[in-house]
Amino acid sequence: MVKRKSLSAGHGINGWLQQRVTAVIMVIAIIEVFVFMFLANEVIDANFISWQQFFSFTFVKIFAQLTFIAVVIHGWIGMRDVWLDYVKSAGARIILHAVTILWLAGCLIYSAKILWS
């Protein structure tokens, strides 16, 4: 049994449930992209223009952004648990948590810039 001392707030079932929900969102997004790829190859000529038109729909942009948010939450929970389980130094944990948060926030901001610009 792993005993966490600092930076732990009893994330147990909450983190577990969040990871399962975000995983379902990511699976739905993967299915959506595979269905589009299949239809794009079977029905229309798949090229850059077809992808651009696919992502021009507001629904697709919103769902893609929600998927990126799910990836960030999923990644945060996973990395938080790795840092809490395997890094013993509280100072190192704080630094790793901060770097992870900055990296994930940057990825989320960049994804919004790409999708909505």
PDB file of N, CA and C in Angstrom:
ATOM      1  N   MET A   1       0.850  -1.178   0.000  1.00  0.00           N
ATOM      2  CA  MET A   1       0.000   0.000   0.000  1.00  0.00           C
ATOM      3  C   MET A   1       0.890   1.233   0.000  1.00  0.00           C
ATOM      4  N   VAL A   2       0.605   2.139  -0.905  1.00  0.00           N
ATOM      5  CA  VAL A   2       1.372   3.369  -1.011  1.00  0.00           C
ATOM      6  C   VAL A   2       0.751   4.394  -0.084  1.00  0.00           C
ATOM      7  N   LYS A   3       1.578   4.976   0.771  1.00  0.00           N
ATOM      8  CA  LYS A   3       1.090   5.995   1.694  1.00  0.00           C
ATOM      9  C   LYS A   3       1.633   7.350   1.257  1.00  0.00           C
ATOM     10  N   ARG A   4       0.737   8.260   0.935  1.00  0.00           N
ATOM     11  CA  ARG A   4       1.137   9.584   0.485  1.00  0.00           C
ATOM     12  C   ARG A   4       1.150  10.534   1.673  1.00  0.00           C
ATOM     13  N   LYS A   5       2.181  11.365   1.720  1.00  0.00           N
ATOM     14  CA  LYS A   5       2.316  12.269   2.858  1.00  0.00           C
ATOM     15  C   LYS A   5       1.848  13.681   2.529  1.00  0.00           C
ATOM     16  N   SER A   6       2.415  14.271   1.481  1.00  0.00           N
ATOM     17  CA  SER A   6       2.043  15.646   1.169  1.00  0.00           C
ATOM     18  C   SER A   6       1.475  15.733  -0.233  1.00  0.00           C
ATOM     19  N   LEU A   7       0.794  16.819  -0.489  1.00  0.00           N
ATOM     20  CA  LEU A   7       0.162  17.077  -1.777  1.00  0.00           C
ATOM     21  C   LEU A   7      -0.903  16.047  -2.118  1.00  0.00           C
ATOM     22  N   SER A   8      -1.399  15.354  -1.144  1.00  0.00           N
ATOM     23  CA  SER A   8      -2.429  14.353  -1.377  1.00  0.00           C
ATOM     24  C   SER A   8      -3.709  14.808  -0.703  1.00  0.00           C
ATOM     25  N   ALA A   9      -4.791  14.704  -1.439  1.00  0.00           N
ATOM     26  CA  ALA A   9      -6.066  15.141  -0.883  1.00  0.00           C
ATOM     27  C   ALA A   9      -7.105  14.033  -0.962  1.00  0.00           C
ATOM     28  N   GLY A  10      -6.674  12.803  -0.866  1.00  0.00           N
ATOM     29  CA  GLY A  10      -7.595  11.687  -0.927  1.00  0.00           C
ATOM     30  C   GLY A  10      -8.312  11.588  -2.260  1.00  0.00           C
ATOM     31  N   HIS A  11      -7.553  11.522  -3.346  1.00  0.00           N
ATOM     32  CA  HIS A  11      -8.111  11.575  -4.686  1.00  0.00           C
ATOM     33  C   HIS A  11      -8.719  10.249  -5.141  1.00  0.00           C
ATOM     34  N   GLY A  12      -8.516   9.174  -4.453  1.00  0.00           N
ATOM     35  CA  GLY A  12      -8.974   7.828  -4.753  1.00  0.00           C
ATOM     36  C   GLY A  12     -10.037   7.653  -5.813  1.00  0.00           C
ATOM     37  N   ILE A  13     -11.278   7.516  -5.402  1.00  0.00           N
ATOM     38  CA  ILE A  13     -12.365   7.193  -6.320  1.00  0.00           C
ATOM     39  C   ILE A  13     -12.651   8.343  -7.274  1.00  0.00           C
ATOM     40  N   ASN A  14     -12.460   9.570  -6.835  1.00  0.00           N
ATOM     41  CA  ASN A  14     -12.692  10.732  -7.692  1.00  0.00           C
ATOM     42  C   ASN A  14     -11.760  10.709  -8.903  1.00  0.00           C
ATOM     43  N   GLY A  15     -10.480  10.508  -8.669  1.00  0.00           N
ATOM     44  CA  GLY A  15      -9.513  10.430  -9.759  1.00  0.00           C
ATOM     45  C   GLY A  15      -9.775   9.240 -10.663  1.00  0.00           C
ATOM     46  N   TRP A  16     -10.131   8.117 -10.060  1.00  0.00           N
ATOM     47  CA  TRP A  16     -10.429   6.909 -10.831  1.00  0.00           C
ATOM     48  C   TRP A  16     -11.607   7.165 -11.769  1.00  0.00           C
ATOM     49  N   LEU A  17     -12.677   7.771 -11.234  1.00  0.00           N
ATOM     50  CA  LEU A  17     -13.861   8.042 -12.031  1.00  0.00           C
ATOM     51  C   LEU A  17     -13.569   9.065 -13.130  1.00  0.00           C
ATOM     52  N   GLN A  18     -12.803  10.107 -12.810  1.00  0.00           N
ATOM     53  CA  GLN A  18     -12.444  11.109 -13.810  1.00  0.00           C
ATOM     54  C   GLN A  18     -11.660  10.482 -14.959  1.00  0.00           C
ATOM     55  N   GLN A  19     -10.744   9.594 -14.633  1.00  0.00           N
ATOM     56  CA  GLN A  19      -9.972   8.943 -15.700  1.00  0.00           C
ATOM     57  C   GLN A  19     -10.862   8.073 -16.567  1.00  0.00           C
ATOM     58  N   ARG A  20     -11.836   7.394 -16.002  1.00  0.00           N
ATOM     59  CA  ARG A  20     -12.730   6.553 -16.797  1.00  0.00           C
ATOM     60  C   ARG A  20     -13.615   7.402 -17.702  1.00  0.00           C
ATOM     61  N   VAL A  21     -14.138   8.505 -17.176  1.00  0.00           N
ATOM     62  CA  VAL A  21     -14.994   9.384 -17.980  1.00  0.00           C
ATOM     63  C   VAL A  21     -14.191  10.017 -19.115  1.00  0.00           C
ATOM     64  N   THR A  22     -12.995  10.509 -18.816  1.00  0.00           N
ATOM     65  CA  THR A  22     -12.177  11.111 -19.872  1.00  0.00           C
ATOM     66  C   THR A  22     -11.753  10.067 -20.897  1.00  0.00           C
ATOM     67  N   ALA A  23     -11.517   8.834 -20.459  1.00  0.00           N
ATOM     68  CA  ALA A  23     -11.171   7.768 -21.406  1.00  0.00           C
ATOM     69  C   ALA A  23     -12.330   7.494 -22.357  1.00  0.00           C
ATOM     70  N   VAL A  24     -13.553   7.517 -21.856  1.00  0.00           N
ATOM     71  CA  VAL A  24     -14.727   7.306 -22.712  1.00  0.00           C
ATOM     72  C   VAL A  24     -14.839   8.440 -23.735  1.00  0.00           C
ATOM     73  N   ILE A  25     -14.627   9.667 -23.300  1.00  0.00           N
ATOM     74  CA  ILE A  25     -14.662  10.807 -24.223  1.00  0.00           C
ATOM     75  C   ILE A  25     -13.615  10.645 -25.313  1.00  0.00           C
ATOM     76  N   MET A  26     -12.402  10.215 -24.935  1.00  0.00           N
ATOM     77  CA  MET A  26     -11.341  10.031 -25.923  1.00  0.00           C
ATOM     78  C   MET A  26     -11.668   8.899 -26.891  1.00  0.00           C
ATOM     79  N   VAL A  27     -12.275   7.823 -26.413  1.00  0.00           N
ATOM     80  CA  VAL A  27     -12.659   6.717 -27.293  1.00  0.00           C
ATOM     81  C   VAL A  27     -13.713   7.186 -28.289  1.00  0.00           C
ATOM     82  N   ILE A  28     -14.684   7.975 -27.832  1.00  0.00           N
ATOM     83  CA  ILE A  28     -15.706   8.510 -28.740  1.00  0.00           C
ATOM     84  C   ILE A  28     -15.053   9.386 -29.810  1.00  0.00           C
ATOM     85  N   ALA A  29     -14.071  10.200 -29.419  1.00  0.00           N
ATOM     86  CA  ALA A  29     -13.372  11.055 -30.384  1.00  0.00           C
ATOM     87  C   ALA A  29     -12.600  10.215 -31.400  1.00  0.00           C
ATOM     88  N   ILE A  30     -11.959   9.151 -30.944  1.00  0.00           N
ATOM     89  CA  ILE A  30     -11.224   8.277 -31.858  1.00  0.00           C
ATOM     90  C   ILE A  30     -12.174   7.618 -32.845  1.00  0.00           C
ATOM     91  N   ILE A  31     -13.318   7.160 -32.360  1.00  0.00           N
ATOM     92  CA  ILE A  31     -14.316   6.549 -33.242  1.00  0.00           C
ATOM     93  C   ILE A  31     -14.811   7.575 -34.259  1.00  0.00           C
ATOM     94  N   GLU A  32     -15.059   8.801 -33.805  1.00  0.00           N
ATOM     95  CA  GLU A  32     -15.507   9.859 -34.704  1.00  0.00           C
ATOM     96  C   GLU A  32     -14.500  10.097 -35.831  1.00  0.00           C
ATOM     97  N   VAL A  33     -13.229  10.164 -35.486  1.00  0.00           N
ATOM     98  CA  VAL A  33     -12.197  10.407 -36.495  1.00  0.00           C
ATOM     99  C   VAL A  33     -12.079   9.216 -37.437  1.00  0.00           C
ATOM    100  N   PHE A  34     -12.128   7.991 -36.921  1.00  0.00           N
ATOM    101  CA  PHE A  34     -12.049   6.811 -37.785  1.00  0.00           C
ATOM    102  C   PHE A  34     -13.256   6.721 -38.719  1.00  0.00           C
ATOM    103  N   VAL A  35     -14.434   7.055 -38.227  1.00  0.00           N
ATOM    104  CA  VAL A  35     -15.622   7.045 -39.084  1.00  0.00           C
ATOM    105  C   VAL A  35     -15.461   8.080 -40.189  1.00  0.00           C
ATOM    106  N   PHE A  36     -14.991   9.272 -39.832  1.00  0.00           N
ATOM    107  CA  PHE A  36     -14.759  10.295 -40.858  1.00  0.00           C
ATOM    108  C   PHE A  36     -13.724   9.822 -41.864  1.00  0.00           C
ATOM    109  N   MET A  37     -12.638   9.224 -41.380  1.00  0.00           N
ATOM    110  CA  MET A  37     -11.595   8.747 -42.303  1.00  0.00           C
ATOM    111  C   MET A  37     -12.153   7.680 -43.243  1.00  0.00           C
ATOM    112  N   PHE A  38     -12.945   6.769 -42.714  1.00  0.00           N
ATOM    113  CA  PHE A  38     -13.534   5.719 -43.542  1.00  0.00           C
ATOM    114  C   PHE A  38     -14.475   6.321 -44.578  1.00  0.00           C
ATOM    115  N   LEU A  39     -15.360   7.211 -44.122  1.00  0.00           N
ATOM    116  CA  LEU A  39     -16.297   7.826 -45.049  1.00  0.00           C
ATOM    117  C   LEU A  39     -15.595   8.731 -46.051  1.00  0.00           C
ATOM    118  N   ALA A  40     -14.569   9.412 -45.598  1.00  0.00           N
ATOM    119  CA  ALA A  40     -13.835  10.305 -46.488  1.00  0.00           C
ATOM    120  C   ALA A  40     -13.148   9.512 -47.601  1.00  0.00           C
ATOM    121  N   ASN A  41     -12.654   8.329 -47.281  1.00  0.00           N
ATOM    122  CA  ASN A  41     -11.995   7.514 -48.297  1.00  0.00           C
ATOM    123  C   ASN A  41     -12.996   6.801 -49.192  1.00  0.00           C
ATOM    124  N   GLU A  42     -14.162   6.442 -48.666  1.00  0.00           N
ATOM    125  CA  GLU A  42     -15.156   5.703 -49.437  1.00  0.00           C
ATOM    126  C   GLU A  42     -16.063   6.614 -50.256  1.00  0.00           C
ATOM    127  N   VAL A  43     -16.474   7.733 -49.670  1.00  0.00           N
ATOM    128  CA  VAL A  43     -17.479   8.577 -50.303  1.00  0.00           C
ATOM    129  C   VAL A  43     -16.853   9.732 -51.081  1.00  0.00           C
ATOM    130  N   ILE A  44     -15.902  10.396 -50.460  1.00  0.00           N
ATOM    131  CA  ILE A  44     -15.282  11.555 -51.100  1.00  0.00           C
ATOM    132  C   ILE A  44     -13.785  11.333 -51.189  1.00  0.00           C
ATOM    133  N   ASP A  45     -13.146  12.156 -51.954  1.00  0.00           N
ATOM    134  CA  ASP A  45     -11.693  12.088 -52.063  1.00  0.00           C
ATOM    135  C   ASP A  45     -11.084  12.743 -50.830  1.00  0.00           C
ATOM    136  N   ALA A  46     -10.428  11.959 -49.984  1.00  0.00           N
ATOM    137  CA  ALA A  46      -9.858  12.486 -48.742  1.00  0.00           C
ATOM    138  C   ALA A  46      -8.644  13.344 -49.062  1.00  0.00           C
ATOM    139  N   ASN A  47      -8.716  14.595 -48.691  1.00  0.00           N
ATOM    140  CA  ASN A  47      -7.590  15.508 -48.867  1.00  0.00           C
ATOM    141  C   ASN A  47      -7.661  16.586 -47.793  1.00  0.00           C
ATOM    142  N   PHE A  48      -6.786  17.535 -47.909  1.00  0.00           N
ATOM    143  CA  PHE A  48      -6.730  18.598 -46.905  1.00  0.00           C
ATOM    144  C   PHE A  48      -8.039  19.377 -46.832  1.00  0.00           C
ATOM    145  N   ILE A  49      -8.641  19.614 -47.962  1.00  0.00           N
ATOM    146  CA  ILE A  49      -9.877  20.393 -48.008  1.00  0.00           C
ATOM    147  C   ILE A  49     -10.999  19.673 -47.250  1.00  0.00           C
ATOM    148  N   SER A  50     -11.093  18.354 -47.405  1.00  0.00           N
ATOM    149  CA  SER A  50     -12.150  17.615 -46.696  1.00  0.00           C
ATOM    150  C   SER A  50     -11.938  17.662 -45.187  1.00  0.00           C
ATOM    151  N   TRP A  51     -10.673  17.575 -44.743  1.00  0.00           N
ATOM    152  CA  TRP A  51     -10.390  17.695 -43.315  1.00  0.00           C
ATOM    153  C   TRP A  51     -10.709  19.102 -42.820  1.00  0.00           C
ATOM    154  N   GLN A  52     -10.358  20.079 -43.621  1.00  0.00           N
ATOM    155  CA  GLN A  52     -10.632  21.470 -43.247  1.00  0.00           C
ATOM    156  C   GLN A  52     -12.145  21.708 -43.138  1.00  0.00           C
ATOM    157  N   GLN A  53     -12.903  21.159 -44.066  1.00  0.00           N
ATOM    158  CA  GLN A  53     -14.349  21.303 -44.005  1.00  0.00           C
ATOM    159  C   GLN A  53     -14.933  20.567 -42.799  1.00  0.00           C
ATOM    160  N   PHE A  54     -14.383  19.398 -42.490  1.00  0.00           N
ATOM    161  CA  PHE A  54     -14.838  18.632 -41.333  1.00  0.00           C
ATOM    162  C   PHE A  54     -14.658  19.433 -40.051  1.00  0.00           C
ATOM    163  N   PHE A  55     -13.502  20.067 -39.903  1.00  0.00           N
ATOM    164  CA  PHE A  55     -13.227  20.834 -38.689  1.00  0.00           C
ATOM    165  C   PHE A  55     -13.791  22.254 -38.741  1.00  0.00           C
ATOM    166  N   SER A  56     -14.467  22.610 -39.824  1.00  0.00           N
ATOM    167  CA  SER A  56     -15.091  23.925 -39.882  1.00  0.00           C
ATOM    168  C   SER A  56     -16.443  23.942 -39.167  1.00  0.00           C
ATOM    169  N   PHE A  57     -17.038  22.767 -38.933  1.00  0.00           N
ATOM    170  CA  PHE A  57     -18.302  22.694 -38.210  1.00  0.00           C
ATOM    171  C   PHE A  57     -18.070  23.012 -36.733  1.00  0.00           C
ATOM    172  N   THR A  58     -18.916  23.865 -36.189  1.00  0.00           N
ATOM    173  CA  THR A  58     -18.780  24.273 -34.790  1.00  0.00           C
ATOM    174  C   THR A  58     -18.889  23.078 -33.849  1.00  0.00           C
ATOM    175  N   PHE A  59     -19.795  22.148 -34.155  1.00  0.00           N
ATOM    176  CA  PHE A  59     -19.951  20.956 -33.318  1.00  0.00           C
ATOM    177  C   PHE A  59     -18.640  20.172 -33.231  1.00  0.00           C
ATOM    178  N   VAL A  60     -17.962  20.024 -34.346  1.00  0.00           N
ATOM    179  CA  VAL A  60     -16.701  19.273 -34.364  1.00  0.00           C
ATOM    180  C   VAL A  60     -15.630  20.026 -33.569  1.00  0.00           C
ATOM    181  N   LYS A  61     -15.596  21.340 -33.714  1.00  0.00           N
ATOM    182  CA  LYS A  61     -14.625  22.134 -32.954  1.00  0.00           C
ATOM    183  C   LYS A  61     -14.879  22.014 -31.453  1.00  0.00           C
ATOM    184  N   ILE A  62     -16.146  22.111 -31.061  1.00  0.00           N
ATOM    185  CA  ILE A  62     -16.475  22.009 -29.635  1.00  0.00           C
ATOM    186  C   ILE A  62     -16.116  20.631 -29.106  1.00  0.00           C
ATOM    187  N   PHE A  63     -16.481  19.581 -29.855  1.00  0.00           N
ATOM    188  CA  PHE A  63     -16.164  18.230 -29.404  1.00  0.00           C
ATOM    189  C   PHE A  63     -14.654  17.987 -29.372  1.00  0.00           C
ATOM    190  N   ALA A  64     -13.934  18.531 -30.352  1.00  0.00           N
ATOM    191  CA  ALA A  64     -12.474  18.393 -30.352  1.00  0.00           C
ATOM    192  C   ALA A  64     -11.868  19.102 -29.147  1.00  0.00           C
ATOM    193  N   GLN A  65     -12.387  20.298 -28.820  1.00  0.00           N
ATOM    194  CA  GLN A  65     -11.868  21.015 -27.656  1.00  0.00           C
ATOM    195  C   GLN A  65     -12.193  20.276 -26.370  1.00  0.00           C
ATOM    196  N   LEU A  66     -13.401  19.716 -26.276  1.00  0.00           N
ATOM    197  CA  LEU A  66     -13.746  18.904 -25.107  1.00  0.00           C
ATOM    198  C   LEU A  66     -12.845  17.676 -25.006  1.00  0.00           C
ATOM    199  N   THR A  67     -12.489  17.111 -26.149  1.00  0.00           N
ATOM    200  CA  THR A  67     -11.575  15.968 -26.151  1.00  0.00           C
ATOM    201  C   THR A  67     -10.201  16.385 -25.658  1.00  0.00           C
ATOM    202  N   PHE A  68      -9.713  17.538 -26.095  1.00  0.00           N
ATOM    203  CA  PHE A  68      -8.423  18.019 -25.596  1.00  0.00           C
ATOM    204  C   PHE A  68      -8.473  18.285 -24.096  1.00  0.00           C
ATOM    205  N   ILE A  69      -9.580  18.822 -23.614  1.00  0.00           N
ATOM    206  CA  ILE A  69      -9.736  19.031 -22.169  1.00  0.00           C
ATOM    207  C   ILE A  69      -9.710  17.688 -21.444  1.00  0.00           C
ATOM    208  N   ALA A  70     -10.383  16.683 -22.021  1.00  0.00           N
ATOM    209  CA  ALA A  70     -10.381  15.345 -21.419  1.00  0.00           C
ATOM    210  C   ALA A  70      -8.970  14.759 -21.394  1.00  0.00           C
ATOM    211  N   VAL A  71      -8.208  14.976 -22.469  1.00  0.00           N
ATOM    212  CA  VAL A  71      -6.823  14.485 -22.515  1.00  0.00           C
ATOM    213  C   VAL A  71      -5.984  15.163 -21.433  1.00  0.00           C
ATOM    214  N   VAL A  72      -6.179  16.466 -21.257  1.00  0.00           N
ATOM    215  CA  VAL A  72      -5.422  17.197 -20.236  1.00  0.00           C
ATOM    216  C   VAL A  72      -5.788  16.694 -18.840  1.00  0.00           C
ATOM    217  N   ILE A  73      -7.069  16.517 -18.568  1.00  0.00           N
ATOM    218  CA  ILE A  73      -7.484  16.007 -17.252  1.00  0.00           C
ATOM    219  C   ILE A  73      -6.933  14.598 -17.035  1.00  0.00           C
ATOM    220  N   HIS A  74      -7.052  13.761 -18.056  1.00  0.00           N
ATOM    221  CA  HIS A  74      -6.553  12.381 -17.967  1.00  0.00           C
ATOM    222  C   HIS A  74      -5.043  12.371 -17.717  1.00  0.00           C
ATOM    223  N   GLY A  75      -4.340  13.211 -18.464  1.00  0.00           N
ATOM    224  CA  GLY A  75      -2.889  13.304 -18.283  1.00  0.00           C
ATOM    225  C   GLY A  75      -2.506  13.829 -16.915  1.00  0.00           C
ATOM    226  N   TRP A  76      -3.239  14.823 -16.428  1.00  0.00           N
ATOM    227  CA  TRP A  76      -2.936  15.381 -15.114  1.00  0.00           C
ATOM    228  C   TRP A  76      -3.114  14.333 -14.022  1.00  0.00           C
ATOM    229  N   ILE A  77      -4.208  13.596 -14.066  1.00  0.00           N
ATOM    230  CA  ILE A  77      -4.455  12.588 -13.033  1.00  0.00           C
ATOM    231  C   ILE A  77      -3.364  11.524 -13.061  1.00  0.00           C
ATOM    232  N   GLY A  78      -3.015  11.076 -14.251  1.00  0.00           N
ATOM    233  CA  GLY A  78      -1.969  10.062 -14.370  1.00  0.00           C
ATOM    234  C   GLY A  78      -0.620  10.555 -13.877  1.00  0.00           C
ATOM    235  N   MET A  79      -0.219  11.746 -14.309  1.00  0.00           N
ATOM    236  CA  MET A  79       1.090  12.271 -13.891  1.00  0.00           C
ATOM    237  C   MET A  79       1.098  12.617 -12.404  1.00  0.00           C
ATOM    238  N   ARG A  80      -0.014  13.156 -11.905  1.00  0.00           N
ATOM    239  CA  ARG A  80      -0.092  13.457 -10.472  1.00  0.00           C
ATOM    240  C   ARG A  80       0.125  12.186  -9.651  1.00  0.00           C
ATOM    241  N   ASP A  81      -0.521  11.097 -10.063  1.00  0.00           N
ATOM    242  CA  ASP A  81      -0.354   9.844  -9.331  1.00  0.00           C
ATOM    243  C   ASP A  81       1.063   9.302  -9.430  1.00  0.00           C
ATOM    244  N   VAL A  82       1.685   9.447 -10.601  1.00  0.00           N
ATOM    245  CA  VAL A  82       3.082   9.004 -10.742  1.00  0.00           C
ATOM    246  C   VAL A  82       3.979   9.809  -9.820  1.00  0.00           C
ATOM    247  N   TRP A  83       3.818  11.140  -9.833  1.00  0.00           N
ATOM    248  CA  TRP A  83       4.671  11.981  -8.966  1.00  0.00           C
ATOM    249  C   TRP A  83       4.423  11.655  -7.492  1.00  0.00           C
ATOM    250  N   LEU A  84       3.175  11.485  -7.102  1.00  0.00           N
ATOM    251  CA  LEU A  84       2.880  11.206  -5.700  1.00  0.00           C
ATOM    252  C   LEU A  84       3.373   9.825  -5.267  1.00  0.00           C
ATOM    253  N   ASP A  85       3.316   8.857  -6.163  1.00  0.00           N
ATOM    254  CA  ASP A  85       3.715   7.492  -5.801  1.00  0.00           C
ATOM    255  C   ASP A  85       5.223   7.272  -5.812  1.00  0.00           C
ATOM    256  N   TYR A  86       5.940   7.929  -6.730  1.00  0.00           N
ATOM    257  CA  TYR A  86       7.339   7.564  -6.935  1.00  0.00           C
ATOM    258  C   TYR A  86       8.351   8.646  -6.585  1.00  0.00           C
ATOM    259  N   VAL A  87       7.928   9.879  -6.380  1.00  0.00           N
ATOM    260  CA  VAL A  87       8.860  10.943  -6.015  1.00  0.00           C
ATOM    261  C   VAL A  87       8.713  11.187  -4.524  1.00  0.00           C
ATOM    262  N   LYS A  88       9.760  10.940  -3.786  1.00  0.00           N
ATOM    263  CA  LYS A  88       9.695  11.021  -2.321  1.00  0.00           C
ATOM    264  C   LYS A  88       9.871  12.438  -1.780  1.00  0.00           C
ATOM    265  N   SER A  89      10.659  13.243  -2.453  1.00  0.00           N
ATOM    266  CA  SER A  89      10.940  14.592  -1.985  1.00  0.00           C
ATOM    267  C   SER A  89       9.759  15.518  -2.260  1.00  0.00           C
ATOM    268  N   ALA A  90       9.265  16.182  -1.215  1.00  0.00           N
ATOM    269  CA  ALA A  90       8.119  17.091  -1.368  1.00  0.00           C
ATOM    270  C   ALA A  90       8.468  18.258  -2.287  1.00  0.00           C
ATOM    271  N   GLY A  91       9.679  18.757  -2.193  1.00  0.00           N
ATOM    272  CA  GLY A  91      10.113  19.858  -3.057  1.00  0.00           C
ATOM    273  C   GLY A  91      10.138  19.458  -4.523  1.00  0.00           C
ATOM    274  N   ALA A  92      10.668  18.276  -4.784  1.00  0.00           N
ATOM    275  CA  ALA A  92      10.703  17.787  -6.165  1.00  0.00           C
ATOM    276  C   ALA A  92       9.287  17.569  -6.694  1.00  0.00           C
ATOM    277  N   ARG A  93       8.399  17.067  -5.837  1.00  0.00           N
ATOM    278  CA  ARG A  93       7.004  16.869  -6.249  1.00  0.00           C
ATOM    279  C   ARG A  93       6.349  18.184  -6.643  1.00  0.00           C
ATOM    280  N   ILE A  94       6.569  19.207  -5.837  1.00  0.00           N
ATOM    281  CA  ILE A  94       5.972  20.511  -6.129  1.00  0.00           C
ATOM    282  C   ILE A  94       6.478  21.036  -7.461  1.00  0.00           C
ATOM    283  N   ILE A  95       7.769  20.920  -7.698  1.00  0.00           N
ATOM    284  CA  ILE A  95       8.340  21.378  -8.962  1.00  0.00           C
ATOM    285  C   ILE A  95       7.770  20.571 -10.127  1.00  0.00           C
ATOM    286  N   LEU A  96       7.709  19.251  -9.982  1.00  0.00           N
ATOM    287  CA  LEU A  96       7.173  18.407 -11.053  1.00  0.00           C
ATOM    288  C   LEU A  96       5.688  18.683 -11.295  1.00  0.00           C
ATOM    289  N   HIS A  97       4.940  18.901 -10.224  1.00  0.00           N
ATOM    290  CA  HIS A  97       3.529  19.264 -10.389  1.00  0.00           C
ATOM    291  C   HIS A  97       3.395  20.583 -11.146  1.00  0.00           C
ATOM    292  N   ALA A  98       4.192  21.576 -10.770  1.00  0.00           N
ATOM    293  CA  ALA A  98       4.124  22.885 -11.429  1.00  0.00           C
ATOM    294  C   ALA A  98       4.492  22.772 -12.910  1.00  0.00           C
ATOM    295  N   VAL A  99       5.551  22.038 -13.206  1.00  0.00           N
ATOM    296  CA  VAL A  99       5.965  21.866 -14.599  1.00  0.00           C
ATOM    297  C   VAL A  99       4.886  21.126 -15.393  1.00  0.00           C
ATOM    298  N   THR A 100       4.295  20.108 -14.788  1.00  0.00           N
ATOM    299  CA  THR A 100       3.231  19.352 -15.455  1.00  0.00           C
ATOM    300  C   THR A 100       2.025  20.241 -15.725  1.00  0.00           C
ATOM    301  N   ILE A 101       1.622  21.037 -14.744  1.00  0.00           N
ATOM    302  CA  ILE A 101       0.483  21.941 -14.916  1.00  0.00           C
ATOM    303  C   ILE A 101       0.771  22.954 -16.017  1.00  0.00           C
ATOM    304  N   LEU A 102       1.968  23.535 -16.007  1.00  0.00           N
ATOM    305  CA  LEU A 102       2.321  24.512 -17.046  1.00  0.00           C
ATOM    306  C   LEU A 102       2.322  23.874 -18.430  1.00  0.00           C
ATOM    307  N   TRP A 103       2.881  22.680 -18.544  1.00  0.00           N
ATOM    308  CA  TRP A 103       2.932  21.985 -19.823  1.00  0.00           C
ATOM    309  C   TRP A 103       1.515  21.678 -20.320  1.00  0.00           C
ATOM    310  N   LEU A 104       0.668  21.118 -19.464  1.00  0.00           N
ATOM    311  CA  LEU A 104      -0.688  20.766 -19.866  1.00  0.00           C
ATOM    312  C   LEU A 104      -1.515  22.010 -20.187  1.00  0.00           C
ATOM    313  N   ALA A 105      -1.349  23.071 -19.416  1.00  0.00           N
ATOM    314  CA  ALA A 105      -2.062  24.318 -19.701  1.00  0.00           C
ATOM    315  C   ALA A 105      -1.620  24.890 -21.046  1.00  0.00           C
ATOM    316  N   GLY A 106      -0.321  24.829 -21.310  1.00  0.00           N
ATOM    317  CA  GLY A 106       0.189  25.290 -22.594  1.00  0.00           C
ATOM    318  C   GLY A 106      -0.372  24.485 -23.755  1.00  0.00           C
ATOM    319  N   CYS A 107      -0.446  23.176 -23.586  1.00  0.00           N
ATOM    320  CA  CYS A 107      -1.022  22.317 -24.628  1.00  0.00           C
ATOM    321  C   CYS A 107      -2.483  22.649 -24.861  1.00  0.00           C
ATOM    322  N   LEU A 108      -3.224  22.902 -23.787  1.00  0.00           N
ATOM    323  CA  LEU A 108      -4.642  23.225 -23.910  1.00  0.00           C
ATOM    324  C   LEU A 108      -4.837  24.571 -24.612  1.00  0.00           C
ATOM    325  N   ILE A 109      -4.050  25.538 -24.241  1.00  0.00           N
ATOM    326  CA  ILE A 109      -4.133  26.858 -24.883  1.00  0.00           C
ATOM    327  C   ILE A 109      -3.763  26.755 -26.360  1.00  0.00           C
ATOM    328  N   TYR A 110      -2.727  25.988 -26.672  1.00  0.00           N
ATOM    329  CA  TYR A 110      -2.313  25.809 -28.054  1.00  0.00           C
ATOM    330  C   TYR A 110      -3.388  25.089 -28.867  1.00  0.00           C
ATOM    331  N   SER A 111      -4.044  24.099 -28.267  1.00  0.00           N
ATOM    332  CA  SER A 111      -5.113  23.395 -28.975  1.00  0.00           C
ATOM    333  C   SER A 111      -6.268  24.341 -29.278  1.00  0.00           C
ATOM    334  N   ALA A 112      -6.593  25.227 -28.335  1.00  0.00           N
ATOM    335  CA  ALA A 112      -7.663  26.204 -28.578  1.00  0.00           C
ATOM    336  C   ALA A 112      -7.266  27.162 -29.679  1.00  0.00           C
ATOM    337  N   LYS A 113      -6.011  27.565 -29.687  1.00  0.00           N
ATOM    338  CA  LYS A 113      -5.525  28.483 -30.736  1.00  0.00           C
ATOM    339  C   LYS A 113      -5.640  27.819 -32.108  1.00  0.00           C
ATOM    340  N   ILE A 114      -5.266  26.561 -32.203  1.00  0.00           N
ATOM    341  CA  ILE A 114      -5.331  25.849 -33.475  1.00  0.00           C
ATOM    342  C   ILE A 114      -6.783  25.663 -33.930  1.00  0.00           C
ATOM    343  N   LEU A 115      -7.641  25.226 -33.022  1.00  0.00           N
ATOM    344  CA  LEU A 115      -9.015  24.934 -33.397  1.00  0.00           C
ATOM    345  C   LEU A 115      -9.832  26.179 -33.732  1.00  0.00           C
ATOM    346  N   TRP A 116      -9.633  27.232 -32.993  1.00  0.00           N
ATOM    347  CA  TRP A 116     -10.521  28.393 -33.113  1.00  0.00           C
ATOM    348  C   TRP A 116      -9.937  29.552 -33.902  1.00  0.00           C
ATOM    349  N   SER A 117      -8.753  29.398 -34.483  1.00  0.00           N
ATOM    350  CA  SER A 117      -8.198  30.526 -35.269  1.00  0.00           C
ATOM    351  C   SER A 117      -8.313  30.251 -36.743  1.00  0.00           C
TER     352      SER A 117
END
